[in-house]
Amino acid sequence: PGNETRLWGRSTDLCREGIGVTVTTGELTPEELVTMQIPLPSTKPMNVRALVRYCNQGRCGFEFVDLRNQQNEAIEAACEKLSKTSGDR
């Protein structure tokens, strides 16, 4: 509590409920509450809170918590846009 550590990561998966991230350094613990900044297409970077659900060899999964309606809408729009640009693999 009260400690701040900054980590950099690259997202690998995004959905309405959460995000998968590969982090470069540092260790995260399951159930740890974090704040992350997510750059989304067509909007400025958004700060969200998330719970660490797993972290294994730098690959981590996060579940979004306490999202505001505007954040939900921005994430949903980003998912839709990204699925169209990726060709719905």
PDB file of N, CA and C in Angstrom:
ATOM      1  N   PRO A   1       0.823  -1.203   0.000  1.00  0.00           N
ATOM      2  CA  PRO A   1       0.000   0.000   0.000  1.00  0.00           C
ATOM      3  C   PRO A   1       0.862   1.260   0.000  1.00  0.00           C
ATOM      4  N   GLY A   2       0.504   2.182  -0.852  1.00  0.00           N
ATOM      5  CA  GLY A   2       1.254   3.416  -0.927  1.00  0.00           C
ATOM      6  C   GLY A   2       2.485   3.321  -1.799  1.00  0.00           C
ATOM      7  N   ASN A   3       2.847   2.128  -2.230  1.00  0.00           N
ATOM      8  CA  ASN A   3       4.011   1.959  -3.103  1.00  0.00           C
ATOM      9  C   ASN A   3       3.560   2.036  -4.548  1.00  0.00           C
ATOM     10  N   GLU A   4       4.375   2.699  -5.353  1.00  0.00           N
ATOM     11  CA  GLU A   4       4.057   2.789  -6.772  1.00  0.00           C
ATOM     12  C   GLU A   4       5.214   2.231  -7.570  1.00  0.00           C
ATOM     13  N   THR A   5       4.901   1.306  -8.440  1.00  0.00           N
ATOM     14  CA  THR A   5       5.881   0.742  -9.356  1.00  0.00           C
ATOM     15  C   THR A   5       5.317   0.887 -10.752  1.00  0.00           C
ATOM     16  N   ARG A   6       6.121   1.382 -11.662  1.00  0.00           N
ATOM     17  CA  ARG A   6       5.665   1.530 -13.038  1.00  0.00           C
ATOM     18  C   ARG A   6       6.259   0.420 -13.880  1.00  0.00           C
ATOM     19  N   LEU A   7       5.371  -0.223 -14.653  1.00  0.00           N
ATOM     20  CA  LEU A   7       5.787  -1.277 -15.568  1.00  0.00           C
ATOM     21  C   LEU A   7       5.319  -0.905 -16.958  1.00  0.00           C
ATOM     22  N   TRP A   8       6.039  -1.345 -17.947  1.00  0.00           N
ATOM     23  CA  TRP A   8       5.642  -1.136 -19.335  1.00  0.00           C
ATOM     24  C   TRP A   8       5.266  -2.485 -19.901  1.00  0.00           C
ATOM     25  N   GLY A   9       4.227  -2.505 -20.714  1.00  0.00           N
ATOM     26  CA  GLY A   9       3.820  -3.758 -21.322  1.00  0.00           C
ATOM     27  C   GLY A   9       3.170  -3.539 -22.667  1.00  0.00           C
ATOM     28  N   ARG A  10       2.978  -4.627 -23.363  1.00  0.00           N
ATOM     29  CA  ARG A  10       2.326  -4.599 -24.676  1.00  0.00           C
ATOM     30  C   ARG A  10       1.112  -5.506 -24.613  1.00  0.00           C
ATOM     31  N   SER A  11      -0.035  -4.958 -25.048  1.00  0.00           N
ATOM     32  CA  SER A  11      -1.256  -5.766 -24.979  1.00  0.00           C
ATOM     33  C   SER A  11      -1.242  -6.854 -26.041  1.00  0.00           C
ATOM     34  N   THR A  12      -1.791  -7.996 -25.662  1.00  0.00           N
ATOM     35  CA  THR A  12      -1.877  -9.122 -26.580  1.00  0.00           C
ATOM     36  C   THR A  12      -3.323  -9.474 -26.897  1.00  0.00           C
ATOM     37  N   ASP A  13      -4.230  -9.162 -25.979  1.00  0.00           N
ATOM     38  CA  ASP A  13      -5.658  -9.438 -26.148  1.00  0.00           C
ATOM     39  C   ASP A  13      -6.437  -8.342 -25.432  1.00  0.00           C
ATOM     40  N   LEU A  14      -7.572  -7.977 -26.003  1.00  0.00           N
ATOM     41  CA  LEU A  14      -8.443  -6.984 -25.380  1.00  0.00           C
ATOM     42  C   LEU A  14      -9.886  -7.418 -25.562  1.00  0.00           C
ATOM     43  N   CYS A  15     -10.652  -7.348 -24.486  1.00  0.00           N
ATOM     44  CA  CYS A  15     -12.089  -7.596 -24.570  1.00  0.00           C
ATOM     45  C   CYS A  15     -12.780  -6.690 -23.559  1.00  0.00           C
ATOM     46  N   ARG A  16     -14.092  -6.721 -23.522  1.00  0.00           N
ATOM     47  CA  ARG A  16     -14.840  -5.854 -22.606  1.00  0.00           C
ATOM     48  C   ARG A  16     -14.506  -6.137 -21.149  1.00  0.00           C
ATOM     49  N   GLU A  17     -14.155  -7.363 -20.829  1.00  0.00           N
ATOM     50  CA  GLU A  17     -13.921  -7.747 -19.441  1.00  0.00           C
ATOM     51  C   GLU A  17     -12.488  -7.550 -18.966  1.00  0.00           C
ATOM     52  N   GLY A  18     -11.521  -7.501 -19.905  1.00  0.00           N
ATOM     53  CA  GLY A  18     -10.141  -7.406 -19.463  1.00  0.00           C
ATOM     54  C   GLY A  18      -9.156  -7.337 -20.604  1.00  0.00           C
ATOM     55  N   ILE A  19      -7.891  -7.508 -20.247  1.00  0.00           N
ATOM     56  CA  ILE A  19      -6.813  -7.361 -21.216  1.00  0.00           C
ATOM     57  C   ILE A  19      -5.674  -8.315 -20.863  1.00  0.00           C
ATOM     58  N   GLY A  20      -5.040  -8.844 -21.887  1.00  0.00           N
ATOM     59  CA  GLY A  20      -3.836  -9.644 -21.723  1.00  0.00           C
ATOM     60  C   GLY A  20      -2.646  -8.770 -22.067  1.00  0.00           C
ATOM     61  N   VAL A  21      -1.601  -8.832 -21.261  1.00  0.00           N
ATOM     62  CA  VAL A  21      -0.441  -7.966 -21.445  1.00  0.00           C
ATOM     63  C   VAL A  21       0.834  -8.768 -21.228  1.00  0.00           C
ATOM     64  N   THR A  22       1.814  -8.512 -22.059  1.00  0.00           N
ATOM     65  CA  THR A  22       3.160  -9.015 -21.818  1.00  0.00           C
ATOM     66  C   THR A  22       3.947  -7.872 -21.208  1.00  0.00           C
ATOM     67  N   VAL A  23       4.426  -8.049 -19.994  1.00  0.00           N
ATOM     68  CA  VAL A  23       5.175  -6.999 -19.299  1.00  0.00           C
ATOM     69  C   VAL A  23       6.664  -7.260 -19.446  1.00  0.00           C
ATOM     70  N   THR A  24       7.430  -6.170 -19.486  1.00  0.00           N
ATOM     71  CA  THR A  24       8.866  -6.296 -19.731  1.00  0.00           C
ATOM     72  C   THR A  24       9.647  -6.684 -18.487  1.00  0.00           C
ATOM     73  N   THR A  25       9.275  -6.133 -17.354  1.00  0.00           N
ATOM     74  CA  THR A  25       9.974  -6.439 -16.106  1.00  0.00           C
ATOM     75  C   THR A  25       8.991  -6.371 -14.951  1.00  0.00           C
ATOM     76  N   GLY A  26       9.422  -6.816 -13.815  1.00  0.00           N
ATOM     77  CA  GLY A  26       8.587  -6.707 -12.627  1.00  0.00           C
ATOM     78  C   GLY A  26       7.745  -7.941 -12.418  1.00  0.00           C
ATOM     79  N   GLU A  27       7.226  -8.046 -11.218  1.00  0.00           N
ATOM     80  CA  GLU A  27       6.400  -9.186 -10.867  1.00  0.00           C
ATOM     81  C   GLU A  27       5.061  -8.692 -10.370  1.00  0.00           C
ATOM     82  N   LEU A  28       4.015  -9.324 -10.831  1.00  0.00           N
ATOM     83  CA  LEU A  28       2.675  -9.003 -10.389  1.00  0.00           C
ATOM     84  C   LEU A  28       2.089 -10.229  -9.716  1.00  0.00           C
ATOM     85  N   THR A  29       1.265  -9.997  -8.721  1.00  0.00           N
ATOM     86  CA  THR A  29       0.686 -11.073  -7.942  1.00  0.00           C
ATOM     87  C   THR A  29      -0.804 -11.190  -8.239  1.00  0.00           C
ATOM     88  N   PRO A  30      -1.310 -12.416  -8.456  1.00  0.00           N
ATOM     89  CA  PRO A  30      -2.747 -12.575  -8.649  1.00  0.00           C
ATOM     90  C   PRO A  30      -3.537 -11.904  -7.521  1.00  0.00           C
ATOM     91  N   GLU A  31      -4.654 -11.276  -7.900  1.00  0.00           N
ATOM     92  CA  GLU A  31      -5.548 -10.523  -7.019  1.00  0.00           C
ATOM     93  C   GLU A  31      -5.008  -9.139  -6.660  1.00  0.00           C
ATOM     94  N   GLU A  32      -3.829  -8.781  -7.157  1.00  0.00           N
ATOM     95  CA  GLU A  32      -3.283  -7.438  -6.930  1.00  0.00           C
ATOM     96  C   GLU A  32      -4.102  -6.436  -7.759  1.00  0.00           C
ATOM     97  N   LEU A  33      -4.450  -5.307  -7.151  1.00  0.00           N
ATOM     98  CA  LEU A  33      -5.195  -4.260  -7.839  1.00  0.00           C
ATOM     99  C   LEU A  33      -4.192  -3.275  -8.439  1.00  0.00           C
ATOM    100  N   VAL A  34      -4.335  -3.003  -9.725  1.00  0.00           N
ATOM    101  CA  VAL A  34      -3.419  -2.105 -10.421  1.00  0.00           C
ATOM    102  C   VAL A  34      -4.202  -1.027 -11.167  1.00  0.00           C
ATOM    103  N   THR A  35      -3.521   0.038 -11.484  1.00  0.00           N
ATOM    104  CA  THR A  35      -4.056   1.057 -12.378  1.00  0.00           C
ATOM    105  C   THR A  35      -3.208   0.995 -13.634  1.00  0.00           C
ATOM    106  N   MET A  36      -3.867   0.970 -14.784  1.00  0.00           N
ATOM    107  CA  MET A  36      -3.115   0.907 -16.037  1.00  0.00           C
ATOM    108  C   MET A  36      -3.627   1.962 -17.000  1.00  0.00           C
ATOM    109  N   GLN A  37      -2.731   2.393 -17.858  1.00  0.00           N
ATOM    110  CA  GLN A  37      -3.082   3.341 -18.904  1.00  0.00           C
ATOM    111  C   GLN A  37      -3.120   2.586 -20.220  1.00  0.00           C
ATOM    112  N   ILE A  38      -4.271   2.657 -20.889  1.00  0.00           N
ATOM    113  CA  ILE A  38      -4.467   1.915 -22.128  1.00  0.00           C
ATOM    114  C   ILE A  38      -4.684   2.888 -23.276  1.00  0.00           C
ATOM    115  N   PRO A  39      -3.791   2.866 -24.276  1.00  0.00           N
ATOM    116  CA  PRO A  39      -4.045   3.684 -25.467  1.00  0.00           C
ATOM    117  C   PRO A  39      -5.032   2.943 -26.370  1.00  0.00           C
ATOM    118  N   LEU A  40      -6.124   3.603 -26.712  1.00  0.00           N
ATOM    119  CA  LEU A  40      -7.143   3.008 -27.572  1.00  0.00           C
ATOM    120  C   LEU A  40      -7.240   3.794 -28.864  1.00  0.00           C
ATOM    121  N   PRO A  41      -7.615   3.138 -29.969  1.00  0.00           N
ATOM    122  CA  PRO A  41      -7.801   3.863 -31.223  1.00  0.00           C
ATOM    123  C   PRO A  41      -8.897   4.924 -31.065  1.00  0.00           C
ATOM    124  N   SER A  42      -8.702   6.059 -31.662  1.00  0.00           N
ATOM    125  CA  SER A  42      -9.704   7.132 -31.715  1.00  0.00           C
ATOM    126  C   SER A  42     -10.005   7.783 -30.366  1.00  0.00           C
ATOM    127  N   THR A  43      -9.139   7.631 -29.388  1.00  0.00           N
ATOM    128  CA  THR A  43      -9.347   8.287 -28.101  1.00  0.00           C
ATOM    129  C   THR A  43      -7.999   8.501 -27.426  1.00  0.00           C
ATOM    130  N   LYS A  44      -7.965   9.388 -26.463  1.00  0.00           N
ATOM    131  CA  LYS A  44      -6.719   9.580 -25.713  1.00  0.00           C
ATOM    132  C   LYS A  44      -6.522   8.388 -24.774  1.00  0.00           C
ATOM    133  N   PRO A  45      -5.292   8.157 -24.299  1.00  0.00           N
ATOM    134  CA  PRO A  45      -5.057   7.039 -23.382  1.00  0.00           C
ATOM    135  C   PRO A  45      -6.004   7.112 -22.175  1.00  0.00           C
ATOM    136  N   MET A  46      -6.473   5.952 -21.761  1.00  0.00           N
ATOM    137  CA  MET A  46      -7.472   5.863 -20.702  1.00  0.00           C
ATOM    138  C   MET A  46      -6.873   5.126 -19.503  1.00  0.00           C
ATOM    139  N   ASN A  47      -7.078   5.685 -18.311  1.00  0.00           N
ATOM    140  CA  ASN A  47      -6.648   5.033 -17.083  1.00  0.00           C
ATOM    141  C   ASN A  47      -7.772   4.164 -16.553  1.00  0.00           C
ATOM    142  N   VAL A  48      -7.471   2.901 -16.267  1.00  0.00           N
ATOM    143  CA  VAL A  48      -8.460   1.966 -15.731  1.00  0.00           C
ATOM    144  C   VAL A  48      -7.850   1.197 -14.566  1.00  0.00           C
ATOM    145  N   ARG A  49      -8.724   0.683 -13.710  1.00  0.00           N
ATOM    146  CA  ARG A  49      -8.292  -0.187 -12.618  1.00  0.00           C
ATOM    147  C   ARG A  49      -8.577  -1.624 -13.021  1.00  0.00           C
ATOM    148  N   ALA A  50      -7.691  -2.519 -12.603  1.00  0.00           N
ATOM    149  CA  ALA A  50      -7.847  -3.920 -12.971  1.00  0.00           C
ATOM    150  C   ALA A  50      -7.235  -4.815 -11.902  1.00  0.00           C
ATOM    151  N   LEU A  51      -7.767  -6.027 -11.815  1.00  0.00           N
ATOM    152  CA  LEU A  51      -7.204  -7.053 -10.944  1.00  0.00           C
ATOM    153  C   LEU A  51      -6.313  -7.966 -11.764  1.00  0.00           C
ATOM    154  N   VAL A  52      -5.158  -8.297 -11.222  1.00  0.00           N
ATOM    155  CA  VAL A  52      -4.294  -9.283 -11.855  1.00  0.00           C
ATOM    156  C   VAL A  52      -4.948 -10.643 -11.647  1.00  0.00           C
ATOM    157  N   ARG A  53      -5.226 -11.355 -12.715  1.00  0.00           N
ATOM    158  CA  ARG A  53      -5.832 -12.678 -12.610  1.00  0.00           C
ATOM    159  C   ARG A  53      -4.779 -13.775 -12.715  1.00  0.00           C
ATOM    160  N   TYR A  54      -3.737 -13.534 -13.508  1.00  0.00           N
ATOM    161  CA  TYR A  54      -2.621 -14.478 -13.573  1.00  0.00           C
ATOM    162  C   TYR A  54      -1.410 -13.731 -14.105  1.00  0.00           C
ATOM    163  N   CYS A  55      -0.254 -14.256 -13.804  1.00  0.00           N
ATOM    164  CA  CYS A  55       0.989 -13.708 -14.356  1.00  0.00           C
ATOM    165  C   CYS A  55       2.000 -14.845 -14.385  1.00  0.00           C
ATOM    166  N   ASN A  56       2.436 -15.202 -15.592  1.00  0.00           N
ATOM    167  CA  ASN A  56       3.340 -16.326 -15.762  1.00  0.00           C
ATOM    168  C   ASN A  56       4.382 -15.960 -16.808  1.00  0.00           C
ATOM    169  N   GLN A  57       5.628 -15.845 -16.380  1.00  0.00           N
ATOM    170  CA  GLN A  57       6.747 -15.534 -17.261  1.00  0.00           C
ATOM    171  C   GLN A  57       6.479 -14.290 -18.106  1.00  0.00           C
ATOM    172  N   GLY A  58       5.976 -13.247 -17.458  1.00  0.00           N
ATOM    173  CA  GLY A  58       5.763 -11.977 -18.125  1.00  0.00           C
ATOM    174  C   GLY A  58       4.448 -11.841 -18.872  1.00  0.00           C
ATOM    175  N   ARG A  59       3.699 -12.917 -18.999  1.00  0.00           N
ATOM    176  CA  ARG A  59       2.376 -12.858 -19.655  1.00  0.00           C
ATOM    177  C   ARG A  59       1.327 -12.781 -18.546  1.00  0.00           C
ATOM    178  N   CYS A  60       0.566 -11.688 -18.560  1.00  0.00           N
ATOM    179  CA  CYS A  60      -0.383 -11.431 -17.478  1.00  0.00           C
ATOM    180  C   CYS A  60      -1.786 -11.177 -18.014  1.00  0.00           C
ATOM    181  N   GLY A  61      -2.763 -11.573 -17.232  1.00  0.00           N
ATOM    182  CA  GLY A  61      -4.159 -11.314 -17.555  1.00  0.00           C
ATOM    183  C   GLY A  61      -4.772 -10.424 -16.494  1.00  0.00           C
ATOM    184  N   PHE A  62      -5.529  -9.429 -16.922  1.00  0.00           N
ATOM    185  CA  PHE A  62      -6.134  -8.462 -16.020  1.00  0.00           C
ATOM    186  C   PHE A  62      -7.635  -8.398 -16.257  1.00  0.00           C
ATOM    187  N   GLU A  63      -8.397  -8.292 -15.182  1.00  0.00           N
ATOM    188  CA  GLU A  63      -9.837  -8.113 -15.260  1.00  0.00           C
ATOM    189  C   GLU A  63     -10.158  -6.671 -14.859  1.00  0.00           C
ATOM    190  N   PHE A  64     -10.851  -5.946 -15.734  1.00  0.00           N
ATOM    191  CA  PHE A  64     -11.216  -4.569 -15.433  1.00  0.00           C
ATOM    192  C   PHE A  64     -12.190  -4.530 -14.263  1.00  0.00           C
ATOM    193  N   VAL A  65     -12.052  -3.524 -13.411  1.00  0.00           N
ATOM    194  CA  VAL A  65     -12.978  -3.317 -12.295  1.00  0.00           C
ATOM    195  C   VAL A  65     -13.415  -1.856 -12.261  1.00  0.00           C
ATOM    196  N   ASP A  66     -14.638  -1.656 -11.835  1.00  0.00           N
ATOM    197  CA  ASP A  66     -15.186  -0.309 -11.622  1.00  0.00           C
ATOM    198  C   ASP A  66     -15.093   0.608 -12.838  1.00  0.00           C
ATOM    199  N   LEU A  67     -15.359   0.064 -14.029  1.00  0.00           N
ATOM    200  CA  LEU A  67     -15.322   0.908 -15.224  1.00  0.00           C
ATOM    201  C   LEU A  67     -16.547   1.813 -15.265  1.00  0.00           C
ATOM    202  N   ARG A  68     -16.334   3.043 -15.685  1.00  0.00           N
ATOM    203  CA  ARG A  68     -17.438   3.968 -15.914  1.00  0.00           C
ATOM    204  C   ARG A  68     -18.053   3.648 -17.277  1.00  0.00           C
ATOM    205  N   ASN A  69     -19.283   4.110 -17.497  1.00  0.00           N
ATOM    206  CA  ASN A  69     -19.969   3.860 -18.768  1.00  0.00           C
ATOM    207  C   ASN A  69     -19.129   4.316 -19.958  1.00  0.00           C
ATOM    208  N   GLN A  70     -18.523   5.484 -19.853  1.00  0.00           N
ATOM    209  CA  GLN A  70     -17.698   6.019 -20.944  1.00  0.00           C
ATOM    210  C   GLN A  70     -16.517   5.094 -21.235  1.00  0.00           C
ATOM    211  N   GLN A  71     -15.914   4.535 -20.204  1.00  0.00           N
ATOM    212  CA  GLN A  71     -14.796   3.615 -20.392  1.00  0.00           C
ATOM    213  C   GLN A  71     -15.271   2.328 -21.067  1.00  0.00           C
ATOM    214  N   ASN A  72     -16.402   1.794 -20.602  1.00  0.00           N
ATOM    215  CA  ASN A  72     -16.964   0.592 -21.231  1.00  0.00           C
ATOM    216  C   ASN A  72     -17.218   0.815 -22.712  1.00  0.00           C
ATOM    217  N   GLU A  73     -17.812   1.947 -23.036  1.00  0.00           N
ATOM    218  CA  GLU A  73     -18.124   2.260 -24.431  1.00  0.00           C
ATOM    219  C   GLU A  73     -16.857   2.396 -25.265  1.00  0.00           C
ATOM    220  N   ALA A  74     -15.825   3.035 -24.719  1.00  0.00           N
ATOM    221  CA  ALA A  74     -14.568   3.206 -25.447  1.00  0.00           C
ATOM    222  C   ALA A  74     -13.891   1.859 -25.698  1.00  0.00           C
ATOM    223  N   ILE A  75     -13.910   0.979 -24.709  1.00  0.00           N
ATOM    224  CA  ILE A  75     -13.296  -0.347 -24.866  1.00  0.00           C
ATOM    225  C   ILE A  75     -14.081  -1.168 -25.880  1.00  0.00           C
ATOM    226  N   GLU A  76     -15.393  -1.122 -25.796  1.00  0.00           N
ATOM    227  CA  GLU A  76     -16.222  -1.870 -26.744  1.00  0.00           C
ATOM    228  C   GLU A  76     -15.998  -1.366 -28.174  1.00  0.00           C
ATOM    229  N   ALA A  77     -15.930  -0.052 -28.350  1.00  0.00           N
ATOM    230  CA  ALA A  77     -15.682   0.514 -29.681  1.00  0.00           C
ATOM    231  C   ALA A  77     -14.301   0.112 -30.194  1.00  0.00           C
ATOM    232  N   ALA A  78     -13.315   0.091 -29.309  1.00  0.00           N
ATOM    233  CA  ALA A  78     -11.960  -0.316 -29.704  1.00  0.00           C
ATOM    234  C   ALA A  78     -11.940  -1.782 -30.117  1.00  0.00           C
ATOM    235  N   CYS A  79     -12.629  -2.627 -29.376  1.00  0.00           N
ATOM    236  CA  CYS A  79     -12.690  -4.054 -29.716  1.00  0.00           C
ATOM    237  C   CYS A  79     -13.317  -4.251 -31.092  1.00  0.00           C
ATOM    238  N   GLU A  80     -14.399  -3.524 -31.348  1.00  0.00           N
ATOM    239  CA  GLU A  80     -15.065  -3.633 -32.639  1.00  0.00           C
ATOM    240  C   GLU A  80     -14.146  -3.165 -33.769  1.00  0.00           C
ATOM    241  N   LYS A  81     -13.502  -2.032 -33.563  1.00  0.00           N
ATOM    242  CA  LYS A  81     -12.603  -1.489 -34.585  1.00  0.00           C
ATOM    243  C   LYS A  81     -11.412  -2.418 -34.827  1.00  0.00           C
ATOM    244  N   LEU A  82     -10.825  -2.918 -33.753  1.00  0.00           N
ATOM    245  CA  LEU A  82      -9.660  -3.793 -33.890  1.00  0.00           C
ATOM    246  C   LEU A  82     -10.027  -5.121 -34.542  1.00  0.00           C
ATOM    247  N   SER A  83     -11.223  -5.638 -34.261  1.00  0.00           N
ATOM    248  CA  SER A  83     -11.611  -6.908 -34.881  1.00  0.00           C
ATOM    249  C   SER A  83     -11.794  -6.742 -36.383  1.00  0.00           C
ATOM    250  N   LYS A  84     -12.258  -5.580 -36.819  1.00  0.00           N
ATOM    251  CA  LYS A  84     -12.412  -5.325 -38.249  1.00  0.00           C
ATOM    252  C   LYS A  84     -11.068  -5.159 -38.947  1.00  0.00           C
ATOM    253  N   THR A  85     -10.109  -4.505 -38.283  1.00  0.00           N
ATOM    254  CA  THR A  85      -8.807  -4.293 -38.903  1.00  0.00           C
ATOM    255  C   THR A  85      -7.940  -5.551 -38.892  1.00  0.00           C
ATOM    256  N   SER A  86      -8.232  -6.468 -37.942  1.00  0.00           N
ATOM    257  CA  SER A  86      -7.432  -7.699 -37.874  1.00  0.00           C
ATOM    258  C   SER A  86      -7.991  -8.804 -38.752  1.00  0.00           C
ATOM    259  N   GLY A  87      -9.128  -8.550 -39.377  1.00  0.00           N
ATOM    260  CA  GLY A  87      -9.711  -9.551 -40.264  1.00  0.00           C
ATOM    261  C   GLY A  87     -10.459 -10.644 -39.557  1.00  0.00           C
ATOM    262  N   ASP A  88     -10.863 -10.386 -38.296  1.00  0.00           N
ATOM    263  CA  ASP A  88     -11.612 -11.399 -37.528  1.00  0.00           C
ATOM    264  C   ASP A  88     -10.954 -12.760 -37.566  1.00  0.00           C
ATOM    265  N   ARG A  89      -9.696 -12.812 -37.203  1.00  0.00           N
ATOM    266  CA  ARG A  89      -8.975 -14.075 -37.226  1.00  0.00           C
ATOM    267  C   ARG A  89      -9.615 -15.113 -36.402  1.00  0.00           C
TER     268      ARG A  89
END
